[in-house]
Amino acid sequence: MIFGYTEAQISGFFLTYGVGAFMLFMLFIIGQLAWQSKAGKFGALVIFLGLGLGMLGFAAKFVIQWWLER
């Protein structure tokens, strides 16, 4: 036990909230890339779709898990 929590509790917390915070930071980075490259509206959409598609899959995993466990 670390600080009164088990290893499973700590890893579950950081897998949910830590990776979620990292995903928000990645959205900021993708936005910066689109802005600095002067991609325009369509180019920014393509950048967000291309780089953000993996994040959508990660979020869908939590929704599917919630749906199957209820």
Protein backbone atom coordinates (compact mmCIF):
# COMPACT_ATOMS: atom_id res chain seq x y z
CA MET A 1 0.00 0.00 0.00
CA ILE A 2 1.22 3.44 -0.92
CA PHE A 3 -0.34 6.37 0.99
CA GLY A 4 -3.23 4.11 1.94
CA TYR A 5 -4.08 3.09 -1.64
CA THR A 6 -3.41 -0.18 -3.41
CA GLU A 7 -1.41 -0.33 -6.60
CA ALA A 8 -4.58 -1.18 -8.55
CA GLN A 9 -6.37 1.91 -7.22
CA ILE A 10 -3.45 4.20 -8.09
CA SER A 11 -3.03 2.79 -11.59
CA GLY A 12 -6.79 2.99 -12.22
CA PHE A 13 -6.86 6.63 -11.14
CA PHE A 14 -3.94 7.65 -13.32
CA LEU A 15 -5.15 5.61 -16.27
CA THR A 16 -8.45 7.48 -16.16
CA TYR A 17 -7.52 11.02 -15.11
CA GLY A 18 -3.82 11.16 -15.96
CA VAL A 19 -4.28 9.96 -19.51
CA GLY A 20 -7.36 12.19 -19.84
CA ALA A 21 -5.31 15.23 -18.84
CA PHE A 22 -2.57 14.18 -21.24
CA MET A 23 -5.16 13.92 -24.02
CA LEU A 24 -6.31 17.49 -23.35
CA PHE A 25 -2.69 18.62 -23.52
CA MET A 26 -2.32 16.79 -26.83
CA LEU A 27 -5.36 18.66 -28.18
CA PHE A 28 -3.61 21.90 -27.24
CA ILE A 29 -0.48 20.75 -29.09
CA ILE A 30 -2.50 19.79 -32.17
CA GLY A 31 -4.16 23.23 -32.10
CA GLN A 32 -0.77 24.90 -31.89
CA LEU A 33 0.44 22.86 -34.87
CA ALA A 34 -2.59 23.88 -36.91
CA TRP A 35 -2.18 27.56 -35.96
CA GLN A 36 1.57 27.77 -36.54
CA SER A 37 1.37 26.00 -39.90
CA LYS A 38 -1.38 28.43 -41.01
CA ALA A 39 -3.37 25.42 -42.18
CA GLY A 40 -6.70 27.21 -42.51
CA LYS A 41 -10.05 25.78 -41.47
CA PHE A 42 -9.96 22.68 -43.66
CA GLY A 43 -6.32 21.98 -42.88
CA ALA A 44 -6.96 22.31 -39.15
CA LEU A 45 -9.89 19.90 -39.47
CA VAL A 46 -7.68 17.38 -41.24
CA ILE A 47 -4.95 17.77 -38.60
CA PHE A 48 -7.43 17.29 -35.76
CA LEU A 49 -9.02 14.27 -37.46
CA GLY A 50 -5.72 12.65 -38.31
CA LEU A 51 -3.98 13.18 -35.00
CA GLY A 52 -7.04 13.05 -32.78
CA LEU A 53 -8.53 9.80 -34.07
CA GLY A 54 -6.52 7.72 -31.59
CA MET A 55 -7.88 9.78 -28.71
CA LEU A 56 -11.41 9.08 -29.91
CA GLY A 57 -10.70 5.35 -29.76
CA PHE A 58 -9.36 5.67 -26.22
CA ALA A 59 -12.48 7.57 -25.12
CA ALA A 60 -14.71 5.03 -26.87
CA LYS A 61 -13.05 2.26 -24.87
CA PHE A 62 -14.30 3.80 -21.62
CA VAL A 63 -17.81 4.24 -23.01
CA ILE A 64 -17.90 0.61 -24.19
CA GLN A 65 -16.62 -0.61 -20.82
CA TRP A 66 -19.27 1.43 -19.01
CA TRP A 67 -21.98 0.07 -21.33
CA LEU A 68 -20.95 -3.55 -20.80
CA GLU A 69 -20.63 -3.24 -17.00
CA ARG A 70 -24.01 -1.67 -16.32
